[in-house]
Amino acid sequence: MEGKLINDTCSRRAFIKGSFTLGMTGLIGVNTDLLPIPRTVEPVLIPVMLTPFHKDLSVDTYCLEKLIEFYKQSGAGGFFANCLSSEMYQLNRNEQLNIAAITAKRAGNDIPVVATGSFGEKLEDRIECTKQMAETGVDAVVLITSHFAEKEQDARIFLDHVLALVDRTPGIPLGTYECPTPYKRLLSTWAFRTLNETRRFTYHKDTSEDIEQLTQKIEISRGGSYNVFNAHSGTAVSFIQRGGSGLSPIAGNFFPEIFSWICEHANKPDQSAQLEYMQQELIRAEKIVSLKYPLSAKYFLRKRGLPIQLNSRVPREELTKTEVAALDGLYGEFEVWCNDLGISPARLI
């Protein structure tokens, strides 16, 4: 069943046709007719997806499909499957591939999907994993930056390994994610520029929380296909106003409608007061959002009507009464935000 689903999704729209080659000198030979699609015209929310589990901790694909529909109704412009929020390190390879395939199929032809595919002990393993993930029908395979060099190794070693993967995965669109585990490797502007010049990268999830670094990356990739997404809720508005492609924060699993609204309204001068108000509210809410995440997000989504179990493969204590009360209070505040902004919250059927 899993194999059939993966094969079915392979016939989804092609994100790129053709192949790319990396010369031994580091120069990229590119057919300009075969480039990845350009950056999104309008900024969008790309949620970092949760993984629902049954009580026995097997993957709940029925609830996963409900979650995908919820994201779509909330205005999401894409999906990041098999990420840290998905508990990717606690999923086996078949589960990772099947979740990505389900997401690609349910997203539809007009909503892009990216998914992590750089797992393995050796570079050979990561290359094979990238190819397997691409076969699920996702639009780009995301590389975890810390998977390509040890913490003490410099950016040149990191780039050598990533460019070797680029060379050996021709035609596969790629992305990057500054994931906090196993350690956080931030891309310098130099490294980002080098990857941008390959014209193979379409998605970058930045976790630096540094608006100036983000702005430099936006400028480097302007006019190209390497879309920069911000993981930090605290700079959401200013990031979009500076030309960012969109948002991918964990709080997007609580109230995706709010981030979709920011993406749509950040550059409207007549909304400046509401934008400032909403930005401060998101900063204040961040401590509650982070409470034993992803359990906190699953609790919040249950309140919103998603039939999701309050469990996780990541070892976590249960939410305390105090934490539940804080999340209940945040839910009430979310309803106030929607009323103030004229948003109709997504409804699950």
Foldseek 3Di string as FASTA:
>chain_A
DLVVLLQVLLPADAQWDDWWAADPVLATDDDVVTFGDAFDPFAFEAEADAFFADPVRHTDVVLLLLLLVQLVLLGGQAYEALDVNNVNVLDDLSVQLSSLLSNSVSNHRRHAYEYEFQDDDDLVNRLVSLVSNVSSNGRAYEYEQCSQDPPPDDVVSSLVSVVVSSNSNIPGAYEYEQDPPPHGDAQALVNLLSVLSNSRYAEYEGAPPDLVRLLSSQVSQPPGRHAYEYQDLLCLLVSVVSPHRYYYHNCCLQRVNLRRVSSVPSNPVVCVVLNVVVSVVSVVCVVLSPVQPPLLSQLNVVVQPRPGDSDDPPDDDDDDPVSVVSSVVVSVVSVVSCVVVVHDRRHRD
